[in-house]
PDB file of N, CA and C in Angstrom:
ATOM      1  N   MET A   1      52.611 140.974  62.117  1.00  0.00           N
ATOM      2  CA  MET A   1      53.441 140.245  63.040  1.00  0.00           C
ATOM      3  C   MET A   1      52.773 140.151  64.403  1.00  0.00           C
ATOM      4  N   ALA A   2      52.120 141.226  64.805  1.00  0.00           N
ATOM      5  CA  ALA A   2      51.432 141.205  66.102  1.00  0.00           C
ATOM      6  C   ALA A   2      50.289 140.200  66.097  1.00  0.00           C
ATOM      7  N   ALA A   3      49.540 140.148  65.006  1.00  0.00           N
ATOM      8  CA  ALA A   3      48.407 139.224  64.918  1.00  0.00           C
ATOM      9  C   ALA A   3      48.866 137.774  64.996  1.00  0.00           C
ATOM     10  N   LEU A   4      50.044 137.481  64.459  1.00  0.00           N
ATOM     11  CA  LEU A   4      50.590 136.129  64.504  1.00  0.00           C
ATOM     12  C   LEU A   4      51.406 135.871  65.774  1.00  0.00           C
ATOM     13  N   GLN A   5      51.549 136.900  66.584  1.00  0.00           N
ATOM     14  CA  GLN A   5      52.316 136.807  67.835  1.00  0.00           C
ATOM     15  C   GLN A   5      53.743 136.334  67.584  1.00  0.00           C
ATOM     16  N   ILE A   6      54.376 136.925  66.565  1.00  0.00           N
ATOM     17  CA  ILE A   6      55.767 136.609  66.272  1.00  0.00           C
ATOM     18  C   ILE A   6      56.583 137.892  66.333  1.00  0.00           C
ATOM     19  N   GLY A   7      57.875 137.731  66.583  1.00  0.00           N
ATOM     20  CA  GLY A   7      58.757 138.874  66.736  1.00  0.00           C
ATOM     21  C   GLY A   7      59.348 139.357  65.433  1.00  0.00           C
ATOM     22  N   PRO A   8      60.097 140.470  65.493  1.00  0.00           N
ATOM     23  CA  PRO A   8      60.686 141.054  64.281  1.00  0.00           C
ATOM     24  C   PRO A   8      61.733 140.157  63.620  1.00  0.00           C
ATOM     25  N   GLU A   9      62.299 139.218  64.380  1.00  0.00           N
ATOM     26  CA  GLU A   9      63.283 138.303  63.807  1.00  0.00           C
ATOM     27  C   GLU A   9      62.623 137.121  63.099  1.00  0.00           C
ATOM     28  N   ASP A  10      61.324 136.951  63.304  1.00  0.00           N
ATOM     29  CA  ASP A  10      60.589 135.853  62.690  1.00  0.00           C
ATOM     30  C   ASP A  10      60.062 136.266  61.325  1.00  0.00           C
ATOM     31  N   GLU A  11      59.763 135.271  60.504  1.00  0.00           N
ATOM     32  CA  GLU A  11      59.261 135.543  59.163  1.00  0.00           C
ATOM     33  C   GLU A  11      57.838 135.034  58.998  1.00  0.00           C
ATOM     34  N   ALA A  12      57.116 135.727  58.138  1.00  0.00           N
ATOM     35  CA  ALA A  12      55.756 135.335  57.763  1.00  0.00           C
ATOM     36  C   ALA A  12      55.605 135.640  56.282  1.00  0.00           C
ATOM     37  N   PHE A  13      54.572 135.073  55.680  1.00  0.00           N
ATOM     38  CA  PHE A  13      54.276 135.438  54.300  1.00  0.00           C
ATOM     39  C   PHE A  13      52.776 135.637  54.153  1.00  0.00           C
ATOM     40  N   LEU A  14      52.414 136.350  53.104  1.00  0.00           N
ATOM     41  CA  LEU A  14      51.033 136.742  52.848  1.00  0.00           C
ATOM     42  C   LEU A  14      50.539 136.096  51.564  1.00  0.00           C
ATOM     43  N   LEU A  15      49.336 135.529  51.650  1.00  0.00           N
ATOM     44  CA  LEU A  15      48.631 135.004  50.480  1.00  0.00           C
ATOM     45  C   LEU A  15      47.361 135.827  50.337  1.00  0.00           C
ATOM     46  N   GLU A  16      47.223 136.553  49.234  1.00  0.00           N
ATOM     47  CA  GLU A  16      46.020 137.355  48.977  1.00  0.00           C
ATOM     48  C   GLU A  16      45.235 136.725  47.841  1.00  0.00           C
ATOM     49  N   ARG A  17      43.921 136.586  48.077  1.00  0.00           N
ATOM     50  CA  ARG A  17      43.047 136.020  47.048  1.00  0.00           C
ATOM     51  C   ARG A  17      41.746 136.812  47.000  1.00  0.00           C
ATOM     52  N   VAL A  18      41.165 136.895  45.821  1.00  0.00           N
ATOM     53  CA  VAL A  18      39.828 137.455  45.641  1.00  0.00           C
ATOM     54  C   VAL A  18      38.935 136.298  45.238  1.00  0.00           C
ATOM     55  N   ARG A  19      37.860 136.130  45.970  1.00  0.00           N
ATOM     56  CA  ARG A  19      36.953 134.999  45.715  1.00  0.00           C
ATOM     57  C   ARG A  19      35.713 135.474  44.972  1.00  0.00           C
ATOM     58  N   GLU A  20      35.278 134.625  44.054  1.00  0.00           N
ATOM     59  CA  GLU A  20      34.104 134.935  43.235  1.00  0.00           C
ATOM     60  C   GLU A  20      33.006 133.915  43.477  1.00  0.00           C
ATOM     61  N   ILE A  21      31.772 134.381  43.405  1.00  0.00           N
ATOM     62  CA  ILE A  21      30.601 133.510  43.395  1.00  0.00           C
ATOM     63  C   ILE A  21      29.748 133.958  42.223  1.00  0.00           C
ATOM     64  N   GLU A  22      29.461 133.020  41.350  1.00  0.00           N
ATOM     65  CA  GLU A  22      28.658 133.285  40.156  1.00  0.00           C
ATOM     66  C   GLU A  22      29.181 134.489  39.378  1.00  0.00           C
ATOM     67  N   GLY A  23      30.515 134.561  39.243  1.00  0.00           N
ATOM     68  CA  GLY A  23      31.139 135.607  38.441  1.00  0.00           C
ATOM     69  C   GLY A  23      31.286 136.953  39.117  1.00  0.00           C
ATOM     70  N   GLU A  24      30.850 137.076  40.371  1.00  0.00           N
ATOM     71  CA  GLU A  24      30.981 138.339  41.097  1.00  0.00           C
ATOM     72  C   GLU A  24      32.094 138.232  42.132  1.00  0.00           C
ATOM     73  N   LYS A  25      32.966 139.225  42.155  1.00  0.00           N
ATOM     74  CA  LYS A  25      34.045 139.280  43.141  1.00  0.00           C
ATOM     75  C   LYS A  25      33.460 139.808  44.445  1.00  0.00           C
ATOM     76  N   ILE A  26      33.399 138.923  45.468  1.00  0.00           N
ATOM     77  CA  ILE A  26      32.701 139.321  46.696  1.00  0.00           C
ATOM     78  C   ILE A  26      33.508 139.185  47.991  1.00  0.00           C
ATOM     79  N   ILE A  27      34.671 138.532  47.945  1.00  0.00           N
ATOM     80  CA  ILE A  27      35.470 138.347  49.159  1.00  0.00           C
ATOM     81  C   ILE A  27      36.946 138.587  48.849  1.00  0.00           C
ATOM     82  N   ILE A  28      37.606 139.335  49.708  1.00  0.00           N
ATOM     83  CA  ILE A  28      39.066 139.451  49.679  1.00  0.00           C
ATOM     84  C   ILE A  28      39.573 138.663  50.884  1.00  0.00           C
ATOM     85  N   ASP A  29      40.464 137.720  50.647  1.00  0.00           N
ATOM     86  CA  ASP A  29      41.112 136.975  51.727  1.00  0.00           C
ATOM     87  C   ASP A  29      42.576 137.372  51.780  1.00  0.00           C
ATOM     88  N   LYS A  30      43.028 137.744  52.976  1.00  0.00           N
ATOM     89  CA  LYS A  30      44.443 138.011  53.222  1.00  0.00           C
ATOM     90  C   LYS A  30      44.876 137.046  54.314  1.00  0.00           C
ATOM     91  N   ASP A  31      45.642 136.036  53.917  1.00  0.00           N
ATOM     92  CA  ASP A  31      46.104 135.006  54.844  1.00  0.00           C
ATOM     93  C   ASP A  31      47.582 135.215  55.144  1.00  0.00           C
ATOM     94  N   TYR A  32      47.898 135.372  56.416  1.00  0.00           N
ATOM     95  CA  TYR A  32      49.276 135.512  56.867  1.00  0.00           C
ATOM     96  C   TYR A  32      49.673 134.212  57.565  1.00  0.00           C
ATOM     97  N   PHE A  33      50.800 133.618  57.145  1.00  0.00           N
ATOM     98  CA  PHE A  33      51.274 132.361  57.702  1.00  0.00           C
ATOM     99  C   PHE A  33      52.638 132.568  58.345  1.00  0.00           C
ATOM    100  N   SER A  34      52.813 132.005  59.523  1.00  0.00           N
ATOM    101  CA  SER A  34      54.115 131.998  60.183  1.00  0.00           C
ATOM    102  C   SER A  34      55.011 130.983  59.492  1.00  0.00           C
ATOM    103  N   ARG A  35      56.190 131.422  59.080  1.00  0.00           N
ATOM    104  CA  ARG A  35      57.138 130.498  58.437  1.00  0.00           C
ATOM    105  C   ARG A  35      57.706 129.495  59.437  1.00  0.00           C
ATOM    106  N   LYS A  36      57.510 129.718  60.737  1.00  0.00           N
ATOM    107  CA  LYS A  36      57.929 128.725  61.730  1.00  0.00           C
ATOM    108  C   LYS A  36      57.166 127.419  61.516  1.00  0.00           C
ATOM    109  N   VAL A  37      55.936 127.524  61.008  1.00  0.00           N
ATOM    110  CA  VAL A  37      55.072 126.356  60.815  1.00  0.00           C
ATOM    111  C   VAL A  37      54.922 126.015  59.338  1.00  0.00           C
ATOM    112  N   VAL A  38      54.671 127.020  58.517  1.00  0.00           N
ATOM    113  CA  VAL A  38      54.471 126.819  57.069  1.00  0.00           C
ATOM    114  C   VAL A  38      55.568 127.597  56.352  1.00  0.00           C
ATOM    115  N   GLU A  39      56.589 126.867  55.862  1.00  0.00           N
ATOM    116  CA  GLU A  39      57.717 127.548  55.236  1.00  0.00           C
ATOM    117  C   GLU A  39      57.334 128.199  53.919  1.00  0.00           C
ATOM    118  N   ASN A  40      56.614 127.463  53.091  1.00  0.00           N
ATOM    119  CA  ASN A  40      56.193 127.955  51.779  1.00  0.00           C
ATOM    120  C   ASN A  40      54.858 127.327  51.420  1.00  0.00           C
ATOM    121  N   LEU A  41      54.232 127.896  50.417  1.00  0.00           N
ATOM    122  CA  LEU A  41      52.953 127.388  49.943  1.00  0.00           C
ATOM    123  C   LEU A  41      53.009 127.348  48.418  1.00  0.00           C
ATOM    124  N   PRO A  42      52.932 126.171  47.829  1.00  0.00           N
ATOM    125  CA  PRO A  42      52.973 126.114  46.360  1.00  0.00           C
ATOM    126  C   PRO A  42      51.729 126.754  45.744  1.00  0.00           C
ATOM    127  N   LEU A  43      51.883 127.269  44.549  1.00  0.00           N
ATOM    128  CA  LEU A  43      50.788 127.930  43.844  1.00  0.00           C
ATOM    129  C   LEU A  43      49.573 127.016  43.717  1.00  0.00           C
ATOM    130  N   ARG A  44      49.787 125.741  43.447  1.00  0.00           N
ATOM    131  CA  ARG A  44      48.655 124.810  43.302  1.00  0.00           C
ATOM    132  C   ARG A  44      47.829 124.733  44.579  1.00  0.00           C
ATOM    133  N   ALA A  45      48.470 124.816  45.749  1.00  0.00           N
ATOM    134  CA  ALA A  45      47.733 124.783  47.019  1.00  0.00           C
ATOM    135  C   ALA A  45      46.937 126.069  47.205  1.00  0.00           C
ATOM    136  N   ALA A  46      47.525 127.198  46.817  1.00  0.00           N
ATOM    137  CA  ALA A  46      46.827 128.484  46.929  1.00  0.00           C
ATOM    138  C   ALA A  46      45.618 128.533  46.005  1.00  0.00           C
ATOM    139  N   GLN A  47      45.715 127.883  44.859  1.00  0.00           N
ATOM    140  CA  GLN A  47      44.623 127.888  43.901  1.00  0.00           C
ATOM    141  C   GLN A  47      43.560 126.841  44.219  1.00  0.00           C
ATOM    142  N   ASP A  48      43.946 125.812  44.947  1.00  0.00           N
ATOM    143  CA  ASP A  48      43.026 124.706  45.212  1.00  0.00           C
ATOM    144  C   ASP A  48      42.573 124.743  46.674  1.00  0.00           C
ATOM    145  N   SER A  49      43.271 124.037  47.543  1.00  0.00           N
ATOM    146  CA  SER A  49      42.891 123.975  48.951  1.00  0.00           C
ATOM    147  C   SER A  49      44.128 124.088  49.829  1.00  0.00           C
ATOM    148  N   VAL A  50      44.257 125.206  50.509  1.00  0.00           N
ATOM    149  CA  VAL A  50      45.394 125.427  51.393  1.00  0.00           C
ATOM    150  C   VAL A  50      45.399 124.393  52.513  1.00  0.00           C
ATOM    151  N   TYR A  51      44.243 124.182  53.146  1.00  0.00           N
ATOM    152  CA  TYR A  51      44.193 123.273  54.293  1.00  0.00           C
ATOM    153  C   TYR A  51      44.434 121.827  53.893  1.00  0.00           C
ATOM    154  N   GLU A  52      43.995 121.429  52.716  1.00  0.00           N
ATOM    155  CA  GLU A  52      44.286 120.070  52.259  1.00  0.00           C
ATOM    156  C   GLU A  52      45.791 119.888  52.137  1.00  0.00           C
ATOM    157  N   TYR A  53      46.472 120.880  51.595  1.00  0.00           N
ATOM    158  CA  TYR A  53      47.932 120.829  51.483  1.00  0.00           C
ATOM    159  C   TYR A  53      48.582 120.764  52.864  1.00  0.00           C
ATOM    160  N   LEU A  54      48.143 121.637  53.774  1.00  0.00           N
ATOM    161  CA  LEU A  54      48.740 121.681  55.109  1.00  0.00           C
ATOM    162  C   LEU A  54      48.550 120.369  55.860  1.00  0.00           C
ATOM    163  N   GLU A  55      47.358 119.808  55.757  1.00  0.00           N
ATOM    164  CA  GLU A  55      47.063 118.588  56.508  1.00  0.00           C
ATOM    165  C   GLU A  55      47.616 117.328  55.844  1.00  0.00           C
ATOM    166  N   LYS A  56      47.416 117.205  54.541  1.00  0.00           N
ATOM    167  CA  LYS A  56      47.797 115.959  53.863  1.00  0.00           C
ATOM    168  C   LYS A  56      49.265 115.915  53.454  1.00  0.00           C
ATOM    169  N   GLU A  57      49.802 117.038  53.015  1.00  0.00           N
ATOM    170  CA  GLU A  57      51.188 117.021  52.544  1.00  0.00           C
ATOM    171  C   GLU A  57      52.190 117.415  53.615  1.00  0.00           C
ATOM    172  N   LEU A  58      51.825 118.368  54.468  1.00  0.00           N
ATOM    173  CA  LEU A  58      52.743 118.764  55.540  1.00  0.00           C
ATOM    174  C   LEU A  58      52.485 118.002  56.832  1.00  0.00           C
ATOM    175  N   GLY A  59      51.332 117.340  56.927  1.00  0.00           N
ATOM    176  CA  GLY A  59      51.022 116.560  58.118  1.00  0.00           C
ATOM    177  C   GLY A  59      50.636 117.394  59.334  1.00  0.00           C
ATOM    178  N   LEU A  60      50.235 118.638  59.120  1.00  0.00           N
ATOM    179  CA  LEU A  60      49.832 119.494  60.242  1.00  0.00           C
ATOM    180  C   LEU A  60      48.454 119.085  60.740  1.00  0.00           C
ATOM    181  N   LYS A  61      48.246 119.222  62.017  1.00  0.00           N
ATOM    182  CA  LYS A  61      46.953 118.906  62.623  1.00  0.00           C
ATOM    183  C   LYS A  61      46.324 120.211  63.100  1.00  0.00           C
ATOM    184  N   ILE A  62      45.383 120.704  62.303  1.00  0.00           N
ATOM    185  CA  ILE A  62      44.720 121.967  62.617  1.00  0.00           C
ATOM    186  C   ILE A  62      43.687 121.704  63.701  1.00  0.00           C
ATOM    187  N   GLY A  63      43.739 122.521  64.750  1.00  0.00           N
ATOM    188  CA  GLY A  63      42.894 122.277  65.906  1.00  0.00           C
ATOM    189  C   GLY A  63      41.657 123.140  65.998  1.00  0.00           C
ATOM    190  N   PHE A  64      41.822 124.457  65.927  1.00  0.00           N
ATOM    191  CA  PHE A  64      40.681 125.347  66.138  1.00  0.00           C
ATOM    192  C   PHE A  64      41.009 126.741  65.620  1.00  0.00           C
ATOM    193  N   ALA A  65      39.960 127.560  65.528  1.00  0.00           N
ATOM    194  CA  ALA A  65      40.113 128.952  65.105  1.00  0.00           C
ATOM    195  C   ALA A  65      39.252 129.837  65.981  1.00  0.00           C
ATOM    196  N   MET A  66      39.731 131.034  66.222  1.00  0.00           N
ATOM    197  CA  MET A  66      38.970 132.053  66.922  1.00  0.00           C
ATOM    198  C   MET A  66      38.647 133.132  65.891  1.00  0.00           C
ATOM    199  N   LYS A  67      37.382 133.550  65.843  1.00  0.00           N
ATOM    200  CA  LYS A  67      36.963 134.525  64.832  1.00  0.00           C
ATOM    201  C   LYS A  67      36.364 135.762  65.480  1.00  0.00           C
ATOM    202  N   GLU A  68      36.610 136.889  64.837  1.00  0.00           N
ATOM    203  CA  GLU A  68      36.061 138.180  65.251  1.00  0.00           C
ATOM    204  C   GLU A  68      35.377 138.768  64.022  1.00  0.00           C
ATOM    205  N   ILE A  69      34.103 139.140  64.154  1.00  0.00           N
ATOM    206  CA  ILE A  69      33.336 139.645  63.014  1.00  0.00           C
ATOM    207  C   ILE A  69      32.887 141.071  63.307  1.00  0.00           C
ATOM    208  N   THR A  70      33.238 141.989  62.418  1.00  0.00           N
ATOM    209  CA  THR A  70      32.864 143.389  62.563  1.00  0.00           C
ATOM    210  C   THR A  70      32.409 143.935  61.212  1.00  0.00           C
ATOM    211  N   VAL A  71      31.846 145.118  61.222  1.00  0.00           N
ATOM    212  CA  VAL A  71      31.426 145.790  59.990  1.00  0.00           C
ATOM    213  C   VAL A  71      32.115 147.147  59.936  1.00  0.00           C
ATOM    214  N   HIS A  72      32.668 147.474  58.761  1.00  0.00           N
ATOM    215  CA  HIS A  72      33.418 148.719  58.584  1.00  0.00           C
ATOM    216  C   HIS A  72      32.990 149.408  57.294  1.00  0.00           C
ATOM    217  N   MET A  73      33.377 150.653  57.181  1.00  0.00           N
ATOM    218  CA  MET A  73      33.207 151.351  55.910  1.00  0.00           C
ATOM    219  C   MET A  73      34.156 150.712  54.897  1.00  0.00           C
ATOM    220  N   ALA A  74      33.710 150.579  53.679  1.00  0.00           N
ATOM    221  CA  ALA A  74      34.542 149.996  52.625  1.00  0.00           C
ATOM    222  C   ALA A  74      35.729 150.911  52.333  1.00  0.00           C
ATOM    223  N   THR A  75      36.845 150.300  51.985  1.00  0.00           N
ATOM    224  CA  THR A  75      38.062 151.043  51.655  1.00  0.00           C
ATOM    225  C   THR A  75      38.201 151.162  50.137  1.00  0.00           C
ATOM    226  N   ASP A  76      39.164 151.967  49.720  1.00  0.00           N
ATOM    227  CA  ASP A  76      39.457 152.083  48.291  1.00  0.00           C
ATOM    228  C   ASP A  76      39.833 150.714  47.712  1.00  0.00           C
ATOM    229  N   GLU A  77      40.573 149.923  48.484  1.00  0.00           N
ATOM    230  CA  GLU A  77      40.962 148.590  48.025  1.00  0.00           C
ATOM    231  C   GLU A  77      39.730 147.700  47.823  1.00  0.00           C
ATOM    232  N   ASP A  78      38.761 147.783  48.742  1.00  0.00           N
ATOM    233  CA  ASP A  78      37.528 147.007  48.590  1.00  0.00           C
ATOM    234  C   ASP A  78      36.831 147.365  47.279  1.00  0.00           C
ATOM    235  N   TYR A  79      36.712 148.663  47.005  1.00  0.00           N
ATOM    236  CA  TYR A  79      36.057 149.103  45.767  1.00  0.00           C
ATOM    237  C   TYR A  79      36.845 148.671  44.532  1.00  0.00           C
ATOM    238  N   ARG A  80      38.174 148.672  44.633  1.00  0.00           N
ATOM    239  CA  ARG A  80      39.017 148.312  43.499  1.00  0.00           C
ATOM    240  C   ARG A  80      38.970 146.808  43.202  1.00  0.00           C
ATOM    241  N   LEU A  81      38.929 145.975  44.249  1.00  0.00           N
ATOM    242  CA  LEU A  81      39.027 144.534  44.041  1.00  0.00           C
ATOM    243  C   LEU A  81      37.693 143.794  44.011  1.00  0.00           C
ATOM    244  N   LEU A  82      36.668 144.372  44.618  1.00  0.00           N
ATOM    245  CA  LEU A  82      35.380 143.686  44.698  1.00  0.00           C
ATOM    246  C   LEU A  82      34.336 144.375  43.838  1.00  0.00           C
ATOM    247  N   ASP A  83      33.317 143.628  43.470  1.00  0.00           N
ATOM    248  CA  ASP A  83      32.166 144.198  42.768  1.00  0.00           C
ATOM    249  C   ASP A  83      31.218 144.719  43.838  1.00  0.00           C
ATOM    250  N   MET A  84      31.482 145.944  44.299  1.00  0.00           N
ATOM    251  CA  MET A  84      30.767 146.506  45.451  1.00  0.00           C
ATOM    252  C   MET A  84      29.394 147.068  45.103  1.00  0.00           C
ATOM    253  N   GLY A  85      29.177 147.426  43.843  1.00  0.00           N
ATOM    254  CA  GLY A  85      27.886 148.027  43.500  1.00  0.00           C
ATOM    255  C   GLY A  85      27.659 149.268  44.338  1.00  0.00           C
ATOM    256  N   SER A  86      26.477 149.374  44.962  1.00  0.00           N
ATOM    257  CA  SER A  86      26.158 150.562  45.758  1.00  0.00           C
ATOM    258  C   SER A  86      26.496 150.393  47.246  1.00  0.00           C
ATOM    259  N   TYR A  87      27.087 149.268  47.614  1.00  0.00           N
ATOM    260  CA  TYR A  87      27.412 149.037  49.033  1.00  0.00           C
ATOM    261  C   TYR A  87      28.587 149.905  49.472  1.00  0.00           C
ATOM    262  N   ASP A  88      28.485 150.455  50.676  1.00  0.00           N
ATOM    263  CA  ASP A  88      29.588 151.244  51.221  1.00  0.00           C
ATOM    264  C   ASP A  88      30.148 150.641  52.512  1.00  0.00           C
ATOM    265  N   MET A  89      29.599 149.511  52.915  1.00  0.00           N
ATOM    266  CA  MET A  89      30.066 148.817  54.112  1.00  0.00           C
ATOM    267  C   MET A  89      30.628 147.456  53.710  1.00  0.00           C
ATOM    268  N   ILE A  90      31.483 146.917  54.572  1.00  0.00           N
ATOM    269  CA  ILE A  90      32.104 145.622  54.328  1.00  0.00           C
ATOM    270  C   ILE A  90      32.120 144.840  55.644  1.00  0.00           C
ATOM    271  N   VAL A  91      31.882 143.543  55.575  1.00  0.00           N
ATOM    272  CA  VAL A  91      31.963 142.688  56.759  1.00  0.00           C
ATOM    273  C   VAL A  91      33.402 142.168  56.834  1.00  0.00           C
ATOM    274  N   VAL A  92      34.040 142.384  57.983  1.00  0.00           N
ATOM    275  CA  VAL A  92      35.431 141.972  58.171  1.00  0.00           C
ATOM    276  C   VAL A  92      35.467 140.817  59.181  1.00  0.00           C
ATOM    277  N   VAL A  93      36.019 139.698  58.744  1.00  0.00           N
ATOM    278  CA  VAL A  93      36.168 138.536  59.614  1.00  0.00           C
ATOM    279  C   VAL A  93      37.665 138.318  59.831  1.00  0.00           C
ATOM    280  N   LYS A  94      38.093 138.457  61.081  1.00  0.00           N
ATOM    281  CA  LYS A  94      39.484 138.174  61.446  1.00  0.00           C
ATOM    282  C   LYS A  94      39.503 136.798  62.101  1.00  0.00           C
ATOM    283  N   SER A  95      40.387 135.955  61.606  1.00  0.00           N
ATOM    284  CA  SER A  95      40.445 134.580  62.088  1.00  0.00           C
ATOM    285  C   SER A  95      41.871 134.235  62.500  1.00  0.00           C
ATOM    286  N   TYR A  96      41.990 133.684  63.696  1.00  0.00           N
ATOM    287  CA  TYR A  96      43.267 133.220  64.232  1.00  0.00           C
ATOM    288  C   TYR A  96      43.186 131.698  64.272  1.00  0.00           C
ATOM    289  N   THR A  97      44.047 131.016  63.519  1.00  0.00           N
ATOM    290  CA  THR A  97      43.948 129.568  63.399  1.00  0.00           C
ATOM    291  C   THR A  97      45.149 128.901  64.072  1.00  0.00           C
ATOM    292  N   TYR A  98      44.833 127.868  64.854  1.00  0.00           N
ATOM    293  CA  TYR A  98      45.812 127.203  65.701  1.00  0.00           C
ATOM    294  C   TYR A  98      45.919 125.719  65.351  1.00  0.00           C
ATOM    295  N   LEU A  99      47.091 125.164  65.592  1.00  0.00           N
ATOM    296  CA  LEU A  99      47.274 123.723  65.500  1.00  0.00           C
ATOM    297  C   LEU A  99      46.675 123.068  66.742  1.00  0.00           C
ATOM    298  N   GLU A 100      46.590 121.749  66.746  1.00  0.00           N
ATOM    299  CA  GLU A 100      46.052 121.024  67.904  1.00  0.00           C
ATOM    300  C   GLU A 100      46.810 121.325  69.185  1.00  0.00           C
ATOM    301  N   ASP A 101      48.120 121.624  69.064  1.00  0.00           N
ATOM    302  CA  ASP A 101      48.924 121.913  70.253  1.00  0.00           C
ATOM    303  C   ASP A 101      48.846 123.387  70.667  1.00  0.00           C
ATOM    304  N   SER A 102      47.909 124.131  70.088  1.00  0.00           N
ATOM    305  CA  SER A 102      47.656 125.556  70.384  1.00  0.00           C
ATOM    306  C   SER A 102      48.676 126.516  69.774  1.00  0.00           C
ATOM    307  N   THR A 103      49.463 126.057  68.812  1.00  0.00           N
ATOM    308  CA  THR A 103      50.391 126.938  68.103  1.00  0.00           C
ATOM    309  C   THR A 103      49.616 127.768  67.093  1.00  0.00           C
ATOM    310  N   LEU A 104      49.694 129.090  67.225  1.00  0.00           N
ATOM    311  CA  LEU A 104      49.062 129.990  66.259  1.00  0.00           C
ATOM    312  C   LEU A 104      49.925 129.996  65.005  1.00  0.00           C
ATOM    313  N   PHE A 105      49.350 129.642  63.857  1.00  0.00           N
ATOM    314  CA  PHE A 105      50.143 129.591  62.624  1.00  0.00           C
ATOM    315  C   PHE A 105      49.567 130.436  61.496  1.00  0.00           C
ATOM    316  N   GLN A 106      48.317 130.901  61.632  1.00  0.00           N
ATOM    317  CA  GLN A 106      47.694 131.652  60.543  1.00  0.00           C
ATOM    318  C   GLN A 106      46.792 132.742  61.100  1.00  0.00           C
ATOM    319  N   PHE A 107      46.894 133.914  60.487  1.00  0.00           N
ATOM    320  CA  PHE A 107      45.948 134.995  60.742  1.00  0.00           C
ATOM    321  C   PHE A 107      45.334 135.357  59.408  1.00  0.00           C
ATOM    322  N   THR A 108      44.012 135.425  59.363  1.00  0.00           N
ATOM    323  CA  THR A 108      43.314 135.765  58.121  1.00  0.00           C
ATOM    324  C   THR A 108      42.386 136.943  58.353  1.00  0.00           C
ATOM    325  N   GLU A 109      42.416 137.869  57.403  1.00  0.00           N
ATOM    326  CA  GLU A 109      41.404 138.925  57.365  1.00  0.00           C
ATOM    327  C   GLU A 109      40.631 138.722  56.075  1.00  0.00           C
ATOM    328  N   SER A 110      39.345 138.411  56.209  1.00  0.00           N
ATOM    329  CA  SER A 110      38.461 138.253  55.056  1.00  0.00           C
ATOM    330  C   SER A 110      37.513 139.431  55.019  1.00  0.00           C
ATOM    331  N   ARG A 111      37.381 140.022  53.850  1.00  0.00           N
ATOM    332  CA  ARG A 111      36.513 141.190  53.670  1.00  0.00           C
ATOM    333  C   ARG A 111      35.385 140.781  52.729  1.00  0.00           C
ATOM    334  N   HIS A 112      34.156 140.781  53.252  1.00  0.00           N
ATOM    335  CA  HIS A 112      32.995 140.247  52.540  1.00  0.00           C
ATOM    336  C   HIS A 112      32.028 141.353  52.145  1.00  0.00           C
ATOM    337  N   ARG A 113      31.548 141.282  50.918  1.00  0.00           N
ATOM    338  CA  ARG A 113      30.455 142.167  50.516  1.00  0.00           C
ATOM    339  C   ARG A 113      29.244 141.805  51.369  1.00  0.00           C
ATOM    340  N   PRO A 114      28.555 142.785  51.944  1.00  0.00           N
ATOM    341  CA  PRO A 114      27.536 142.485  52.964  1.00  0.00           C
ATOM    342  C   PRO A 114      26.334 141.669  52.494  1.00  0.00           C
ATOM    343  N   ASP A 115      25.940 141.807  51.244  1.00  0.00           N
ATOM    344  CA  ASP A 115      24.751 141.078  50.787  1.00  0.00           C
ATOM    345  C   ASP A 115      25.014 139.591  50.588  1.00  0.00           C
ATOM    346  N   LYS A 116      26.286 139.196  50.556  1.00  0.00           N
ATOM    347  CA  LYS A 116      26.630 137.791  50.349  1.00  0.00           C
ATOM    348  C   LYS A 116      27.209 137.151  51.609  1.00  0.00           C
ATOM    349  N   PHE A 117      27.126 137.844  52.739  1.00  0.00           N
ATOM    350  CA  PHE A 117      27.670 137.326  53.987  1.00  0.00           C
ATOM    351  C   PHE A 117      26.559 136.748  54.850  1.00  0.00           C
ATOM    352  N   LYS A 118      26.838 135.585  55.433  1.00  0.00           N
ATOM    353  CA  LYS A 118      25.881 134.952  56.332  1.00  0.00           C
ATOM    354  C   LYS A 118      26.648 134.369  57.503  1.00  0.00           C
ATOM    355  N   PHE A 119      26.196 134.620  58.710  1.00  0.00           N
ATOM    356  CA  PHE A 119      26.830 134.089  59.908  1.00  0.00           C
ATOM    357  C   PHE A 119      25.879 133.098  60.562  1.00  0.00           C
ATOM    358  N   VAL A 120      26.355 131.883  60.803  1.00  0.00           N
ATOM    359  CA  VAL A 120      25.572 130.847  61.472  1.00  0.00           C
ATOM    360  C   VAL A 120      26.420 130.318  62.613  1.00  0.00           C
ATOM    361  N   ASP A 121      25.822 130.162  63.769  1.00  0.00           N
ATOM    362  CA  ASP A 121      26.552 129.672  64.932  1.00  0.00           C
ATOM    363  C   ASP A 121      25.743 128.586  65.609  1.00  0.00           C
ATOM    364  N   PHE A 122      26.434 127.711  66.297  1.00  0.00           N
ATOM    365  CA  PHE A 122      25.800 126.647  67.079  1.00  0.00           C
ATOM    366  C   PHE A 122      26.470 126.631  68.442  1.00  0.00           C
ATOM    367  N   ALA A 123      25.694 126.709  69.473  1.00  0.00           N
ATOM    368  CA  ALA A 123      26.246 126.671  70.831  1.00  0.00           C
ATOM    369  C   ALA A 123      25.462 125.662  71.658  1.00  0.00           C
ATOM    370  N   ARG A 124      26.185 124.867  72.403  1.00  0.00           N
ATOM    371  CA  ARG A 124      25.555 123.882  73.281  1.00  0.00           C
ATOM    372  C   ARG A 124      25.984 124.204  74.704  1.00  0.00           C
ATOM    373  N   ARG A 125      25.023 124.260  75.581  1.00  0.00           N
ATOM    374  CA  ARG A 125      25.299 124.528  76.982  1.00  0.00           C
ATOM    375  C   ARG A 125      25.365 123.194  77.724  1.00  0.00           C
ATOM    376  N   LYS A 126      26.470 122.974  78.382  1.00  0.00           N
ATOM    377  CA  LYS A 126      26.604 121.767  79.183  1.00  0.00           C
ATOM    378  C   LYS A 126      26.099 122.054  80.579  1.00  0.00           C
ATOM    379  N   LEU A 127      25.296 121.172  81.110  1.00  0.00           N
ATOM    380  CA  LEU A 127      24.736 121.351  82.451  1.00  0.00           C
ATOM    381  C   LEU A 127      25.616 120.716  83.497  1.00  0.00           C
TER     382      LEU A 127
END
């Protein structure tokens, strides 16, 4: 609730997914949605494309996201849900996603196996 900046009287829901690449479970996604913006999410959207559903069917205009990337020791849940092999660390990406009007509607914590994580950034300096 704190991550979504909503109060105890407000509602949110959680969508948890494990993502695979080439048959290996390498990412846990925990997406929290404010019901003020997204009341429900059909199973087909969770299995296919959440953002396509939000934008095309609900008409939401997603504006931007702020991300925080850290590295932590793997948890029991990471070992249980992911194919961790000999890795004992996990890359944690926390993402706060906003609509065009700056309404925060989604908080995501993604937990990535370190050998399959890549960070690329582009920054332009305006003079």
